[in-house]
PDB file of N, CA and C in Angstrom:
ATOM      1  N   TRP A   1       0.737  -1.098   0.116  1.00  0.00           N
ATOM      2  CA  TRP A   1      -0.255   0.384   0.126  1.00  0.00           C
ATOM      3  C   TRP A   1       1.023   1.448   0.049  1.00  0.00           C
ATOM      4  N   MET A   2       2.118   0.940   0.599  1.00  0.00           N
ATOM      5  CA  MET A   2       2.899   2.440   0.238  1.00  0.00           C
ATOM      6  C   MET A   2       3.096   2.811  -0.788  1.00  0.00           C
ATOM      7  N   GLU A   3       3.086   1.969  -2.229  1.00  0.00           N
ATOM      8  CA  GLU A   3       3.427   2.222  -3.267  1.00  0.00           C
ATOM      9  C   GLU A   3       2.066   3.612  -3.867  1.00  0.00           C
ATOM     10  N   VAL A   4       1.324   3.510  -3.165  1.00  0.00           N
ATOM     11  CA  VAL A   4       0.214   4.341  -3.401  1.00  0.00           C
ATOM     12  C   VAL A   4       0.174   5.811  -2.492  1.00  0.00           C
ATOM     13  N   VAL A   5       0.585   5.239  -1.235  1.00  0.00           N
ATOM     14  CA  VAL A   5       0.460   6.235  -0.266  1.00  0.00           C
ATOM     15  C   VAL A   5       1.502   7.890  -0.675  1.00  0.00           C
ATOM     16  N   VAL A   6       2.878   7.256  -0.604  1.00  0.00           N
ATOM     17  CA  VAL A   6       3.808   7.867  -0.886  1.00  0.00           C
ATOM     18  C   VAL A   6       3.549   9.124  -1.854  1.00  0.00           C
ATOM     19  N   PRO A   7       3.400   8.718  -3.132  1.00  0.00           N
ATOM     20  CA  PRO A   7       3.592   9.659  -4.478  1.00  0.00           C
ATOM     21  C   PRO A   7       2.261  10.660  -3.848  1.00  0.00           C
ATOM     22  N   VAL A   8       1.243  10.048  -3.549  1.00  0.00           N
ATOM     23  CA  VAL A   8       0.016  10.935  -3.183  1.00  0.00           C
ATOM     24  C   VAL A   8       0.901  11.807  -1.768  1.00  0.00           C
ATOM     25  N   ALA A   9       1.414  11.701  -1.005  1.00  0.00           N
ATOM     26  CA  ALA A   9       1.847  12.638  -0.091  1.00  0.00           C
ATOM     27  C   ALA A   9       2.727  13.572  -0.509  1.00  0.00           C
ATOM     28  N   LEU A  10       3.842  13.234  -1.221  1.00  0.00           N
ATOM     29  CA  LEU A  10       4.795  13.974  -1.830  1.00  0.00           C
ATOM     30  C   LEU A  10       4.113  14.857  -2.762  1.00  0.00           C
ATOM     31  N   LEU A  11       3.051  14.586  -3.221  1.00  0.00           N
ATOM     32  CA  LEU A  11       2.424  15.616  -4.570  1.00  0.00           C
ATOM     33  C   LEU A  11       1.791  16.333  -3.816  1.00  0.00           C
ATOM     34  N   GLY A  12       1.121  16.381  -2.048  1.00  0.00           N
ATOM     35  CA  GLY A  12       0.630  17.146  -1.488  1.00  0.00           C
ATOM     36  C   GLY A  12      -0.884  17.482  -1.811  1.00  0.00           C
ATOM     37  N   LEU A  13      -1.256  16.235  -2.500  1.00  0.00           N
ATOM     38  CA  LEU A  13      -2.657  15.887  -2.602  1.00  0.00           C
ATOM     39  C   LEU A  13      -3.649  15.727  -1.411  1.00  0.00           C
ATOM     40  N   PRO A  14      -4.872  16.259  -1.293  1.00  0.00           N
ATOM     41  CA  PRO A  14      -5.623  16.063  -0.032  1.00  0.00           C
ATOM     42  C   PRO A  14      -5.864  14.666  -0.028  1.00  0.00           C
ATOM     43  N   CYS A  15      -5.876  13.874   0.768  1.00  0.00           N
ATOM     44  CA  CYS A  15      -6.337  12.467   1.157  1.00  0.00           C
ATOM     45  C   CYS A  15      -7.186  12.329   2.236  1.00  0.00           C
ATOM     46  N   THR A  16      -7.896  11.051   2.376  1.00  0.00           N
ATOM     47  CA  THR A  16      -8.209  10.733   3.583  1.00  0.00           C
ATOM     48  C   THR A  16      -8.715   9.124   3.355  1.00  0.00           C
ATOM     49  N   ALA A  17      -9.087   8.385   4.468  1.00  0.00           N
ATOM     50  CA  ALA A  17      -9.353   7.149   4.642  1.00  0.00           C
ATOM     51  C   ALA A  17     -10.520   6.995   5.356  1.00  0.00           C
ATOM     52  N   VAL A  18     -11.514   5.957   4.725  1.00  0.00           N
ATOM     53  CA  VAL A  18     -12.621   5.519   5.146  1.00  0.00           C
ATOM     54  C   VAL A  18     -12.752   4.406   5.315  1.00  0.00           C
ATOM     55  N   PRO A  19     -13.492   3.485   6.125  1.00  0.00           N
ATOM     56  CA  PRO A  19     -13.411   2.257   6.348  1.00  0.00           C
ATOM     57  C   PRO A  19     -14.147   1.518   5.353  1.00  0.00           C
ATOM     58  N   ALA A  20     -13.436   0.182   4.976  1.00  0.00           N
ATOM     59  CA  ALA A  20     -14.185  -0.297   3.755  1.00  0.00           C
ATOM     60  C   ALA A  20     -14.907  -1.950   3.925  1.00  0.00           C
ATOM     61  N   GLY A  21     -15.083  -2.286   5.176  1.00  0.00           N
ATOM     62  CA  GLY A  21     -15.411  -3.429   5.693  1.00  0.00           C
ATOM     63  C   GLY A  21     -14.295  -4.351   6.523  1.00  0.00           C
ATOM     64  N   PHE A  22     -14.490  -5.507   6.207  1.00  0.00           N
ATOM     65  CA  PHE A  22     -13.664  -6.766   7.233  1.00  0.00           C
ATOM     66  C   PHE A  22     -13.235  -7.472   5.919  1.00  0.00           C
ATOM     67  N   GLY A  23     -12.157  -7.940   6.433  1.00  0.00           N
ATOM     68  CA  GLY A  23     -11.828  -9.153   5.201  1.00  0.00           C
ATOM     69  C   GLY A  23     -11.958 -10.354   5.812  1.00  0.00           C
ATOM     70  N   SER A  24     -11.494 -11.515   4.650  1.00  0.00           N
ATOM     71  CA  SER A  24     -11.914 -12.815   5.281  1.00  0.00           C
ATOM     72  C   SER A  24     -11.428 -13.295   6.631  1.00  0.00           C
ATOM     73  N   ASN A  25     -10.205 -12.510   7.218  1.00  0.00           N
ATOM     74  CA  ASN A  25      -9.906 -12.659   8.290  1.00  0.00           C
ATOM     75  C   ASN A  25     -10.662 -12.296   9.429  1.00  0.00           C
ATOM     76  N   GLY A  26     -11.451 -11.091   9.209  1.00  0.00           N
ATOM     77  CA  GLY A  26     -12.238 -10.463  10.153  1.00  0.00           C
ATOM     78  C   GLY A  26     -11.404  -9.307  10.289  1.00  0.00           C
ATOM     79  N   LEU A  27     -10.527  -8.913   9.813  1.00  0.00           N
ATOM     80  CA  LEU A  27      -9.633  -7.560  10.249  1.00  0.00           C
ATOM     81  C   LEU A  27     -10.460  -6.554   9.115  1.00  0.00           C
ATOM     82  N   PRO A  28     -10.149  -5.536  10.014  1.00  0.00           N
ATOM     83  CA  PRO A  28     -10.882  -4.229   9.037  1.00  0.00           C
ATOM     84  C   PRO A  28      -9.652  -3.834   7.811  1.00  0.00           C
ATOM     85  N   MET A  29     -10.527  -3.376   6.836  1.00  0.00           N
ATOM     86  CA  MET A  29      -9.929  -2.896   5.736  1.00  0.00           C
ATOM     87  C   MET A  29     -10.185  -1.399   5.391  1.00  0.00           C
ATOM     88  N   GLY A  30      -9.266  -0.708   4.850  1.00  0.00           N
ATOM     89  CA  GLY A  30      -9.439   0.440   4.810  1.00  0.00           C
ATOM     90  C   GLY A  30      -9.443   1.272   3.151  1.00  0.00           C
ATOM     91  N   LEU A  31     -10.071   2.096   2.828  1.00  0.00           N
ATOM     92  CA  LEU A  31      -9.926   2.863   1.723  1.00  0.00           C
ATOM     93  C   LEU A  31      -9.742   4.036   1.547  1.00  0.00           C
ATOM     94  N   GLN A  32      -8.421   4.350   0.693  1.00  0.00           N
ATOM     95  CA  GLN A  32      -7.797   5.563   0.776  1.00  0.00           C
ATOM     96  C   GLN A  32      -8.471   6.533  -0.571  1.00  0.00           C
ATOM     97  N   LEU A  33      -8.654   7.721  -0.179  1.00  0.00           N
ATOM     98  CA  LEU A  33      -9.376   8.488  -1.146  1.00  0.00           C
ATOM     99  C   LEU A  33      -8.694   9.622  -1.500  1.00  0.00           C
ATOM    100  N   PHE A  34      -8.335  10.038  -2.607  1.00  0.00           N
ATOM    101  CA  PHE A  34      -7.386  11.581  -2.682  1.00  0.00           C
ATOM    102  C   PHE A  34      -8.125  12.128  -4.079  1.00  0.00           C
ATOM    103  N   GLY A  35      -7.847  13.456  -4.008  1.00  0.00           N
ATOM    104  CA  GLY A  35      -8.328  14.222  -5.218  1.00  0.00           C
ATOM    105  C   GLY A  35      -7.124  15.157  -5.321  1.00  0.00           C
ATOM    106  N   PRO A  36      -7.657  16.114  -6.285  1.00  0.00           N
ATOM    107  CA  PRO A  36      -6.922  17.292  -6.723  1.00  0.00           C
ATOM    108  C   PRO A  36      -6.539  18.184  -5.685  1.00  0.00           C
ATOM    109  N   ILE A  37      -5.128  18.995  -6.026  1.00  0.00           N
ATOM    110  CA  ILE A  37      -4.920  20.183  -5.058  1.00  0.00           C
ATOM    111  C   ILE A  37      -6.391  21.044  -4.954  1.00  0.00           C
ATOM    112  N   GLY A  38      -6.411  21.528  -3.746  1.00  0.00           N
ATOM    113  CA  GLY A  38      -7.895  22.493  -3.565  1.00  0.00           C
ATOM    114  C   GLY A  38      -9.061  21.901  -3.642  1.00  0.00           C
ATOM    115  N   ALA A  39      -9.092  20.620  -3.709  1.00  0.00           N
ATOM    116  CA  ALA A  39     -10.426  19.723  -3.579  1.00  0.00           C
ATOM    117  C   ALA A  39     -10.604  19.187  -1.870  1.00  0.00           C
ATOM    118  N   ASP A  40     -10.134  19.685  -0.886  1.00  0.00           N
ATOM    119  CA  ASP A  40      -9.940  19.624   0.416  1.00  0.00           C
ATOM    120  C   ASP A  40     -11.656  19.127   0.910  1.00  0.00           C
ATOM    121  N   ALA A  41     -12.387  20.104   0.751  1.00  0.00           N
ATOM    122  CA  ALA A  41     -13.914  20.136   1.188  1.00  0.00           C
ATOM    123  C   ALA A  41     -14.628  19.112   0.231  1.00  0.00           C
ATOM    124  N   ALA A  42     -14.194  18.972  -1.096  1.00  0.00           N
ATOM    125  CA  ALA A  42     -15.162  17.616  -1.334  1.00  0.00           C
ATOM    126  C   ALA A  42     -14.703  16.317  -1.389  1.00  0.00           C
ATOM    127  N   LEU A  43     -13.716  16.346  -0.729  1.00  0.00           N
ATOM    128  CA  LEU A  43     -12.977  15.079  -0.705  1.00  0.00           C
ATOM    129  C   LEU A  43     -13.589  14.829   0.787  1.00  0.00           C
ATOM    130  N   LEU A  44     -13.579  15.698   1.850  1.00  0.00           N
ATOM    131  CA  LEU A  44     -14.518  15.502   3.167  1.00  0.00           C
ATOM    132  C   LEU A  44     -15.927  15.053   3.087  1.00  0.00           C
ATOM    133  N   ARG A  45     -16.597  15.810   1.960  1.00  0.00           N
ATOM    134  CA  ARG A  45     -18.287  15.646   1.711  1.00  0.00           C
ATOM    135  C   ARG A  45     -18.185  14.254   1.178  1.00  0.00           C
ATOM    136  N   LEU A  46     -17.123  13.861   0.389  1.00  0.00           N
ATOM    137  CA  LEU A  46     -17.346  12.204  -0.017  1.00  0.00           C
ATOM    138  C   LEU A  46     -16.947  11.468   1.098  1.00  0.00           C
ATOM    139  N   ALA A  47     -16.012  11.737   1.818  1.00  0.00           N
ATOM    140  CA  ALA A  47     -15.779  10.589   3.059  1.00  0.00           C
ATOM    141  C   ALA A  47     -17.136  10.666   3.836  1.00  0.00           C
ATOM    142  N   GLN A  48     -17.736  11.917   4.273  1.00  0.00           N
ATOM    143  CA  GLN A  48     -19.159  11.719   4.908  1.00  0.00           C
ATOM    144  C   GLN A  48     -20.245  10.914   4.278  1.00  0.00           C
ATOM    145  N   GLY A  49     -20.378  11.517   3.302  1.00  0.00           N
ATOM    146  CA  GLY A  49     -21.072  10.344   2.317  1.00  0.00           C
ATOM    147  C   GLY A  49     -21.431   9.037   2.451  1.00  0.00           C
ATOM    148  N   TRP A  50     -19.841   8.592   2.215  1.00  0.00           N
ATOM    149  CA  TRP A  50     -19.368   7.039   2.263  1.00  0.00           C
ATOM    150  C   TRP A  50     -19.944   6.503   3.719  1.00  0.00           C
ATOM    151  N   HIS A  51     -19.549   7.166   4.893  1.00  0.00           N
ATOM    152  CA  HIS A  51     -20.320   7.190   6.018  1.00  0.00           C
ATOM    153  C   HIS A  51     -21.718   6.853   5.946  1.00  0.00           C
ATOM    154  N   GLU A  52     -22.151   7.807   5.598  1.00  0.00           N
ATOM    155  CA  GLU A  52     -23.899   7.483   5.520  1.00  0.00           C
ATOM    156  C   GLU A  52     -24.144   6.493   4.928  1.00  0.00           C
ATOM    157  N   VAL A  53     -23.899   6.497   3.785  1.00  0.00           N
ATOM    158  CA  VAL A  53     -24.222   5.427   2.838  1.00  0.00           C
ATOM    159  C   VAL A  53     -23.810   3.906   3.383  1.00  0.00           C
ATOM    160  N   THR A  54     -22.832   3.856   3.969  1.00  0.00           N
ATOM    161  CA  THR A  54     -22.374   2.605   4.417  1.00  0.00           C
ATOM    162  C   THR A  54     -22.805   1.941   5.704  1.00  0.00           C
ATOM    163  N   ASN A  55     -23.081   3.015   6.443  1.00  0.00           N
ATOM    164  CA  ASN A  55     -23.686   3.387   7.994  1.00  0.00           C
ATOM    165  C   ASN A  55     -22.725   2.333   8.936  1.00  0.00           C
ATOM    166  N   TRP A  56     -21.298   2.929   8.385  1.00  0.00           N
ATOM    167  CA  TRP A  56     -20.262   2.297   8.959  1.00  0.00           C
ATOM    168  C   TRP A  56     -20.477   2.650  10.641  1.00  0.00           C
ATOM    169  N   PRO A  57     -20.572   3.445  11.071  1.00  0.00           N
ATOM    170  CA  PRO A  57     -20.648   3.882  12.773  1.00  0.00           C
ATOM    171  C   PRO A  57     -21.521   2.685  13.649  1.00  0.00           C
ATOM    172  N   ASN A  58     -22.396   2.402  12.883  1.00  0.00           N
ATOM    173  CA  ASN A  58     -23.127   0.778  13.531  1.00  0.00           C
ATOM    174  C   ASN A  58     -22.758  -0.034  13.011  1.00  0.00           C
ATOM    175  N   THR A  59     -21.507  -0.351  12.235  1.00  0.00           N
ATOM    176  CA  THR A  59     -21.062  -1.811  11.981  1.00  0.00           C
ATOM    177  C   THR A  59     -20.154  -2.551  13.086  1.00  0.00           C
ATOM    178  N   ARG A  60     -20.172  -3.622  13.105  1.00  0.00           N
ATOM    179  CA  ARG A  60     -19.598  -4.604  14.078  1.00  0.00           C
ATOM    180  C   ARG A  60     -18.864  -5.578  13.305  1.00  0.00           C
ATOM    181  N   PRO A  61     -17.848  -5.861  13.773  1.00  0.00           N
ATOM    182  CA  PRO A  61     -16.848  -6.797  12.879  1.00  0.00           C
ATOM    183  C   PRO A  61     -17.742  -8.319  13.582  1.00  0.00           C
ATOM    184  N   PRO A  62     -17.379  -9.351  12.521  1.00  0.00           N
ATOM    185  CA  PRO A  62     -17.906 -10.559  12.757  1.00  0.00           C
ATOM    186  C   PRO A  62     -17.538 -11.222  13.849  1.00  0.00           C
ATOM    187  N   THR A  63     -18.211 -12.127  14.478  1.00  0.00           N
ATOM    188  CA  THR A  63     -18.279 -13.068  15.289  1.00  0.00           C
ATOM    189  C   THR A  63     -17.549 -13.943  15.259  1.00  0.00           C
ATOM    190  N   SER A  64     -16.826 -14.406  16.364  1.00  0.00           N
ATOM    191  CA  SER A  64     -16.236 -15.745  16.008  1.00  0.00           C
ATOM    192  C   SER A  64     -16.736 -16.928  16.575  1.00  0.00           C
ATOM    193  N   MET A  65     -17.003 -18.001  15.946  1.00  0.00           N
ATOM    194  CA  MET A  65     -17.552 -19.043  16.547  1.00  0.00           C
ATOM    195  C   MET A  65     -16.680 -20.386  17.312  1.00  0.00           C
ATOM    196  N   ALA A  66     -15.528 -19.680  17.205  1.00  0.00           N
ATOM    197  CA  ALA A  66     -14.371 -20.647  18.096  1.00  0.00           C
ATOM    198  C   ALA A  66     -14.469 -20.771  19.537  1.00  0.00           C
TER     199      ALA A  66
END
């Protein structure tokens, strides 16, 4: 994942990360969103919309049956 993060950071592009669910191993996964310079507010609106659509604050990881 560093191959993507470093160029974005070096270019000074606005970026944020949002939760993207859970992997098959039950660990949380994330999604990095980035946009053009000056699009900070639009990017934050997109992240907020993602949270609202996915209902992430009320999402819980799968429980283990072990």
